[in-house]
Amino acid sequence: MTEKLSDAALDTIFRTARSYNGYTDQPVSDAELHAIWDLMKWGPTSANQLPARLIWCVSDAAKQKLAECTSEQNAPKILKAPVSVIIGMDENFHEYLPELFPHTDAKAWFDGNAELRAVSAMRNSTLQGAYFIIAARALGLDTGPMSGFDNGKVDAAFFADTPAVRSNFIATLGHGDPASIFDRSPRPGFEKFNRVA
């Protein structure tokens, strides 16, 4: 049994953390990108599928290409962020299962079943996207996860050479500018959306 995290740690990851629309000029280093991955990769996925494929857009050219695939509201956020990240999903993740889940022939569960692979890739890459957010916050960085983009355009621009990989969602990354956030939106109590059966 692990020890409970401190209130300060829980605040950093959840309670006082925010989704940012803008960032300071403080850069994000390659070492920080690696550190995020080296944390998020430990988050559980079904049969250790790890279907997420991340593209870290750090150059102006990559951010411009990504911004051209997004809504009018999201493009400036992507261009101004130190890093913008595409969380993609590999629907051929099962090819790696002999290495990632060697306890049994898990690859056989997915061979010839594209529908099951698509559902599993979406579910588990979304989990990994959440681990990305938590890891970034735990390492002192801020994120701005977003929809509001054309998946087909993003896939054509960034995943054309890997057709089994499709985009799931996008997130900006950096040191958040407090002036860029809205007032905290409400969060309901347990009783509103939960049942104990």
C-alpha atoms as a PDB file:
ATOM      1  CA  MET A   1       0.000   0.000   0.000  1.00  0.00           C
ATOM      2  CA  THR A   2       1.391   3.399  -0.968  1.00  0.00           C
ATOM      3  CA  GLU A   3       1.180   6.472   1.217  1.00  0.00           C
ATOM      4  CA  LYS A   4      -1.421   9.123   0.515  1.00  0.00           C
ATOM      5  CA  LEU A   5      -0.077  12.124  -1.393  1.00  0.00           C
ATOM      6  CA  SER A   6       0.136  15.432   0.422  1.00  0.00           C
ATOM      7  CA  ASP A   7      -2.570  18.041  -0.058  1.00  0.00           C
ATOM      8  CA  ALA A   8       0.005  20.185  -1.861  1.00  0.00           C
ATOM      9  CA  ALA A   9       0.643  17.398  -4.376  1.00  0.00           C
ATOM     10  CA  LEU A  10      -3.094  16.788  -4.874  1.00  0.00           C
ATOM     11  CA  ASP A  11      -3.590  20.522  -5.430  1.00  0.00           C
ATOM     12  CA  THR A  12      -0.820  20.552  -8.050  1.00  0.00           C
ATOM     13  CA  ILE A  13      -2.269  17.636  -9.965  1.00  0.00           C
ATOM     14  CA  PHE A  14      -6.011  18.264  -9.554  1.00  0.00           C
ATOM     15  CA  ARG A  15      -7.573  20.841  -7.251  1.00  0.00           C
ATOM     16  CA  THR A  16      -5.745  24.045  -8.169  1.00  0.00           C
ATOM     17  CA  ALA A  17      -4.428  22.928 -11.569  1.00  0.00           C
ATOM     18  CA  ARG A  18      -5.989  24.656 -14.555  1.00  0.00           C
ATOM     19  CA  SER A  19      -6.219  24.275 -18.322  1.00  0.00           C
ATOM     20  CA  TYR A  20      -4.265  27.178 -19.786  1.00  0.00           C
ATOM     21  CA  ASN A  21      -5.022  29.180 -22.920  1.00  0.00           C
ATOM     22  CA  GLY A  22      -1.676  31.008 -22.867  1.00  0.00           C
ATOM     23  CA  TYR A  23       1.825  30.644 -21.525  1.00  0.00           C
ATOM     24  CA  THR A  24       4.784  32.680 -20.343  1.00  0.00           C
ATOM     25  CA  ASP A  25       7.929  32.945 -22.465  1.00  0.00           C
ATOM     26  CA  GLN A  26       9.713  30.375 -20.307  1.00  0.00           C
ATOM     27  CA  PRO A  27      10.802  27.554 -22.621  1.00  0.00           C
ATOM     28  CA  VAL A  28      10.213  23.843 -22.208  1.00  0.00           C
ATOM     29  CA  SER A  29      13.340  21.743 -22.630  1.00  0.00           C
ATOM     30  CA  ASP A  30      13.769  18.453 -24.465  1.00  0.00           C
ATOM     31  CA  ALA A  31      14.705  16.949 -21.105  1.00  0.00           C
ATOM     32  CA  GLU A  32      11.278  17.961 -19.752  1.00  0.00           C
ATOM     33  CA  LEU A  33       9.545  16.291 -22.699  1.00  0.00           C
ATOM     34  CA  HIS A  34      11.456  13.093 -22.000  1.00  0.00           C
ATOM     35  CA  ALA A  35      10.633  13.374 -18.299  1.00  0.00           C
ATOM     36  CA  ILE A  36       6.913  13.609 -19.075  1.00  0.00           C
ATOM     37  CA  TRP A  37       7.086  10.461 -21.200  1.00  0.00           C
ATOM     38  CA  ASP A  38       9.180   8.658 -18.594  1.00  0.00           C
ATOM     39  CA  LEU A  39       6.386   9.250 -16.063  1.00  0.00           C
ATOM     40  CA  MET A  40       3.289   8.782 -18.215  1.00  0.00           C
ATOM     41  CA  LYS A  41       4.493   5.492 -19.696  1.00  0.00           C
ATOM     42  CA  TRP A  42       3.951   3.846 -16.304  1.00  0.00           C
ATOM     43  CA  GLY A  43       0.226   4.612 -16.268  1.00  0.00           C
ATOM     44  CA  PRO A  44      -1.845   1.437 -16.675  1.00  0.00           C
ATOM     45  CA  THR A  45      -3.382   0.472 -19.998  1.00  0.00           C
ATOM     46  CA  SER A  46      -5.244  -2.718 -20.826  1.00  0.00           C
ATOM     47  CA  ALA A  47      -2.694  -5.520 -21.361  1.00  0.00           C
ATOM     48  CA  ASN A  48       0.005  -2.815 -21.424  1.00  0.00           C
ATOM     49  CA  GLN A  49      -1.172  -1.813 -24.907  1.00  0.00           C
ATOM     50  CA  LEU A  50       0.424   1.660 -24.841  1.00  0.00           C
ATOM     51  CA  PRO A  51      -1.247   2.704 -28.121  1.00  0.00           C
ATOM     52  CA  ALA A  52      -0.556   6.442 -27.742  1.00  0.00           C
ATOM     53  CA  ARG A  53       1.843   7.959 -30.259  1.00  0.00           C
ATOM     54  CA  LEU A  54       2.854  11.523 -29.417  1.00  0.00           C
ATOM     55  CA  ILE A  55       4.124  14.192 -31.747  1.00  0.00           C
ATOM     56  CA  TRP A  56       5.765  17.051 -29.840  1.00  0.00           C
ATOM     57  CA  CYS A  57       5.485  20.158 -32.010  1.00  0.00           C
ATOM     58  CA  VAL A  58       8.321  22.398 -30.843  1.00  0.00           C
ATOM     59  CA  SER A  59       9.355  24.132 -34.079  1.00  0.00           C
ATOM     60  CA  ASP A  60       7.462  27.100 -35.467  1.00  0.00           C
ATOM     61  CA  ALA A  61       6.921  25.143 -38.700  1.00  0.00           C
ATOM     62  CA  ALA A  62       5.343  22.175 -36.910  1.00  0.00           C
ATOM     63  CA  LYS A  63       3.112  24.421 -34.803  1.00  0.00           C
ATOM     64  CA  GLN A  64       2.033  26.350 -37.912  1.00  0.00           C
ATOM     65  CA  LYS A  65       1.173  23.106 -39.701  1.00  0.00           C
ATOM     66  CA  LEU A  66      -0.873  21.977 -36.707  1.00  0.00           C
ATOM     67  CA  ALA A  67      -2.594  25.349 -36.297  1.00  0.00           C
ATOM     68  CA  GLU A  68      -3.823  25.137 -39.897  1.00  0.00           C
ATOM     69  CA  CYS A  69      -5.773  22.006 -38.900  1.00  0.00           C
ATOM     70  CA  THR A  70      -7.576  23.587 -35.950  1.00  0.00           C
ATOM     71  CA  SER A  71     -10.410  25.950 -35.214  1.00  0.00           C
ATOM     72  CA  GLU A  72     -10.008  29.717 -35.380  1.00  0.00           C
ATOM     73  CA  GLN A  73     -10.047  29.864 -31.575  1.00  0.00           C
ATOM     74  CA  ASN A  74      -7.394  27.182 -31.072  1.00  0.00           C
ATOM     75  CA  ALA A  75      -4.861  28.168 -33.734  1.00  0.00           C
ATOM     76  CA  PRO A  76      -3.391  31.127 -31.797  1.00  0.00           C
ATOM     77  CA  LYS A  77      -3.030  28.983 -28.655  1.00  0.00           C
ATOM     78  CA  ILE A  78      -1.022  26.411 -30.582  1.00  0.00           C
ATOM     79  CA  LEU A  79       1.194  29.009 -32.242  1.00  0.00           C
ATOM     80  CA  LYS A  80       2.011  30.810 -28.985  1.00  0.00           C
ATOM     81  CA  ALA A  81       2.581  27.756 -26.772  1.00  0.00           C
ATOM     82  CA  PRO A  82       6.181  26.628 -26.260  1.00  0.00           C
ATOM     83  CA  VAL A  83       5.087  23.107 -27.241  1.00  0.00           C
ATOM     84  CA  SER A  84       1.945  21.654 -28.763  1.00  0.00           C
ATOM     85  CA  VAL A  85       1.409  17.919 -28.513  1.00  0.00           C
ATOM     86  CA  ILE A  86      -0.664  15.613 -30.706  1.00  0.00           C
ATOM     87  CA  ILE A  87      -1.816  12.568 -28.775  1.00  0.00           C
ATOM     88  CA  GLY A  88      -2.345   9.974 -31.461  1.00  0.00           C
ATOM     89  CA  MET A  89      -3.398   6.319 -31.311  1.00  0.00           C
ATOM     90  CA  ASP A  90      -1.891   3.389 -33.128  1.00  0.00           C
ATOM     91  CA  GLU A  91      -4.552   0.885 -34.174  1.00  0.00           C
ATOM     92  CA  ASN A  92      -1.784  -1.621 -34.858  1.00  0.00           C
ATOM     93  CA  PHE A  93      -0.597  -1.444 -31.247  1.00  0.00           C
ATOM     94  CA  HIS A  94      -1.081  -5.217 -31.026  1.00  0.00           C
ATOM     95  CA  GLU A  95       2.082  -5.757 -33.081  1.00  0.00           C
ATOM     96  CA  TYR A  96       4.080  -4.656 -30.022  1.00  0.00           C
ATOM     97  CA  LEU A  97       2.264  -6.854 -27.509  1.00  0.00           C
ATOM     98  CA  PRO A  98       4.750  -9.750 -27.703  1.00  0.00           C
ATOM     99  CA  GLU A  99       7.309  -7.276 -26.308  1.00  0.00           C
ATOM    100  CA  LEU A 100       5.060  -5.204 -24.038  1.00  0.00           C
ATOM    101  CA  PHE A 101       2.857  -8.005 -22.654  1.00  0.00           C
ATOM    102  CA  PRO A 102       4.909 -11.214 -22.937  1.00  0.00           C
ATOM    103  CA  HIS A 103       2.923 -13.166 -20.327  1.00  0.00           C
ATOM    104  CA  THR A 104       0.580 -14.602 -22.944  1.00  0.00           C
ATOM    105  CA  ASP A 105      -0.197 -14.354 -26.659  1.00  0.00           C
ATOM    106  CA  ALA A 106      -2.152 -11.105 -26.336  1.00  0.00           C
ATOM    107  CA  LYS A 107      -1.462 -10.217 -29.956  1.00  0.00           C
ATOM    108  CA  ALA A 108      -3.783 -13.061 -30.999  1.00  0.00           C
ATOM    109  CA  TRP A 109      -6.675 -11.351 -29.197  1.00  0.00           C
ATOM    110  CA  PHE A 110      -6.540  -8.530 -31.759  1.00  0.00           C
ATOM    111  CA  ASP A 111      -5.328 -10.203 -34.949  1.00  0.00           C
ATOM    112  CA  GLY A 112      -8.009  -9.898 -37.632  1.00  0.00           C
ATOM    113  CA  ASN A 113     -10.284  -7.724 -35.446  1.00  0.00           C
ATOM    114  CA  ALA A 114      -9.878  -4.121 -36.595  1.00  0.00           C
ATOM    115  CA  GLU A 115     -12.996  -2.991 -34.716  1.00  0.00           C
ATOM    116  CA  LEU A 116     -11.658  -4.234 -31.375  1.00  0.00           C
ATOM    117  CA  ARG A 117      -8.287  -2.627 -32.058  1.00  0.00           C
ATOM    118  CA  ALA A 118      -9.923   0.723 -32.861  1.00  0.00           C
ATOM    119  CA  VAL A 119     -11.966   0.734 -29.654  1.00  0.00           C
ATOM    120  CA  SER A 120      -8.990  -0.355 -27.558  1.00  0.00           C
ATOM    121  CA  ALA A 121      -6.687   2.209 -29.154  1.00  0.00           C
ATOM    122  CA  MET A 122      -9.157   5.031 -28.475  1.00  0.00           C
ATOM    123  CA  ARG A 123      -9.830   3.998 -24.885  1.00  0.00           C
ATOM    124  CA  ASN A 124      -6.234   3.399 -23.888  1.00  0.00           C
ATOM    125  CA  SER A 125      -4.668   6.331 -25.755  1.00  0.00           C
ATOM    126  CA  THR A 126      -7.194   8.583 -24.020  1.00  0.00           C
ATOM    127  CA  LEU A 127      -6.012   7.155 -20.708  1.00  0.00           C
ATOM    128  CA  GLN A 128      -2.449   7.881 -21.736  1.00  0.00           C
ATOM    129  CA  GLY A 129      -3.447  11.429 -22.673  1.00  0.00           C
ATOM    130  CA  ALA A 130      -4.753  11.897 -19.139  1.00  0.00           C
ATOM    131  CA  TYR A 131      -1.480  10.502 -17.786  1.00  0.00           C
ATOM    132  CA  PHE A 132       0.326  13.060 -19.963  1.00  0.00           C
ATOM    133  CA  ILE A 133      -1.608  15.871 -18.274  1.00  0.00           C
ATOM    134  CA  ILE A 134      -0.951  14.512 -14.785  1.00  0.00           C
ATOM    135  CA  ALA A 135       2.748  13.937 -15.501  1.00  0.00           C
ATOM    136  CA  ALA A 136       3.179  17.449 -16.899  1.00  0.00           C
ATOM    137  CA  ARG A 137       1.505  18.983 -13.855  1.00  0.00           C
ATOM    138  CA  ALA A 138       3.544  16.831 -11.482  1.00  0.00           C
ATOM    139  CA  LEU A 139       6.714  18.126 -13.169  1.00  0.00           C
ATOM    140  CA  GLY A 140       5.749  21.784 -12.815  1.00  0.00           C
ATOM    141  CA  LEU A 141       4.298  22.360 -16.286  1.00  0.00           C
ATOM    142  CA  ASP A 142       0.831  23.319 -17.454  1.00  0.00           C
ATOM    143  CA  THR A 143      -1.342  22.033 -20.288  1.00  0.00           C
ATOM    144  CA  GLY A 144      -4.293  23.073 -22.395  1.00  0.00           C
ATOM    145  CA  PRO A 145      -6.011  19.968 -23.786  1.00  0.00           C
ATOM    146  CA  MET A 146      -8.355  20.639 -26.687  1.00  0.00           C
ATOM    147  CA  SER A 147     -10.667  19.291 -29.304  1.00  0.00           C
ATOM    148  CA  GLY A 148     -11.641  21.818 -31.973  1.00  0.00           C
ATOM    149  CA  PHE A 149      -9.559  20.451 -34.834  1.00  0.00           C
ATOM    150  CA  ASP A 150     -10.015  18.451 -38.017  1.00  0.00           C
ATOM    151  CA  ASN A 151      -8.814  14.898 -37.317  1.00  0.00           C
ATOM    152  CA  GLY A 152      -8.509  14.112 -41.013  1.00  0.00           C
ATOM    153  CA  LYS A 153      -6.292  17.135 -41.657  1.00  0.00           C
ATOM    154  CA  VAL A 154      -4.109  16.382 -38.631  1.00  0.00           C
ATOM    155  CA  ASP A 155      -3.763  12.756 -39.698  1.00  0.00           C
ATOM    156  CA  ALA A 156      -2.843  13.751 -43.264  1.00  0.00           C
ATOM    157  CA  ALA A 157      -0.336  16.338 -42.055  1.00  0.00           C
ATOM    158  CA  PHE A 158       1.371  14.297 -39.333  1.00  0.00           C
ATOM    159  CA  PHE A 159       0.549  10.603 -39.709  1.00  0.00           C
ATOM    160  CA  ALA A 160       0.552  10.097 -43.492  1.00  0.00           C
ATOM    161  CA  ASP A 161       3.516   7.728 -43.241  1.00  0.00           C
ATOM    162  CA  THR A 162       1.827   5.665 -40.505  1.00  0.00           C
ATOM    163  CA  PRO A 163      -1.778   5.137 -41.665  1.00  0.00           C
ATOM    164  CA  ALA A 164      -2.654   2.958 -38.663  1.00  0.00           C
ATOM    165  CA  VAL A 165      -2.058   5.983 -36.410  1.00  0.00           C
ATOM    166  CA  ARG A 166      -4.836   8.554 -36.015  1.00  0.00           C
ATOM    167  CA  SER A 167      -5.128  11.682 -33.892  1.00  0.00           C
ATOM    168  CA  ASN A 168      -7.063  11.564 -30.626  1.00  0.00           C
ATOM    169  CA  PHE A 169      -6.640  15.036 -29.127  1.00  0.00           C
ATOM    170  CA  ILE A 170      -4.221  17.958 -28.866  1.00  0.00           C
ATOM    171  CA  ALA A 171      -2.686  19.702 -25.866  1.00  0.00           C
ATOM    172  CA  THR A 172      -0.547  22.785 -25.498  1.00  0.00           C
ATOM    173  CA  LEU A 173       2.285  22.662 -22.985  1.00  0.00           C
ATOM    174  CA  GLY A 174       4.340  25.218 -21.099  1.00  0.00           C
ATOM    175  CA  HIS A 175       4.378  27.427 -18.034  1.00  0.00           C
ATOM    176  CA  GLY A 176       0.855  28.792 -17.798  1.00  0.00           C
ATOM    177  CA  ASP A 177       0.094  32.498 -17.882  1.00  0.00           C
ATOM    178  CA  PRO A 178      -2.436  33.169 -15.089  1.00  0.00           C
ATOM    179  CA  ALA A 179      -3.996  35.927 -17.210  1.00  0.00           C
ATOM    180  CA  SER A 180      -5.072  33.326 -19.781  1.00  0.00           C
ATOM    181  CA  ILE A 181      -7.444  31.305 -17.609  1.00  0.00           C
ATOM    182  CA  PHE A 182     -11.137  31.745 -16.983  1.00  0.00           C
ATOM    183  CA  ASP A 183     -12.792  31.713 -13.599  1.00  0.00           C
ATOM    184  CA  ARG A 184     -12.955  28.181 -12.235  1.00  0.00           C
ATOM    185  CA  SER A 185     -15.967  26.326 -13.622  1.00  0.00           C
ATOM    186  CA  PRO A 186     -18.106  24.419 -11.107  1.00  0.00           C
ATOM    187  CA  ARG A 187     -17.529  20.803 -10.196  1.00  0.00           C
ATOM    188  CA  PRO A 188     -20.492  18.835  -8.808  1.00  0.00           C
ATOM    189  CA  GLY A 189     -20.545  16.922  -5.558  1.00  0.00           C
ATOM    190  CA  PHE A 190     -20.551  13.140  -5.446  1.00  0.00           C
ATOM    191  CA  GLU A 191     -24.332  12.815  -5.365  1.00  0.00           C
ATOM    192  CA  LYS A 192     -25.002  14.529  -8.695  1.00  0.00           C
ATOM    193  CA  PHE A 193     -23.333  12.074 -11.091  1.00  0.00           C
ATOM    194  CA  ASN A 194     -22.600   9.000  -9.003  1.00  0.00           C
ATOM    195  CA  ARG A 195     -24.467   5.967  -7.707  1.00  0.00           C
ATOM    196  CA  VAL A 196     -23.319   3.348  -5.286  1.00  0.00           C
ATOM    197  CA  ALA A 197     -24.913   0.081  -6.405  1.00  0.00           C
END
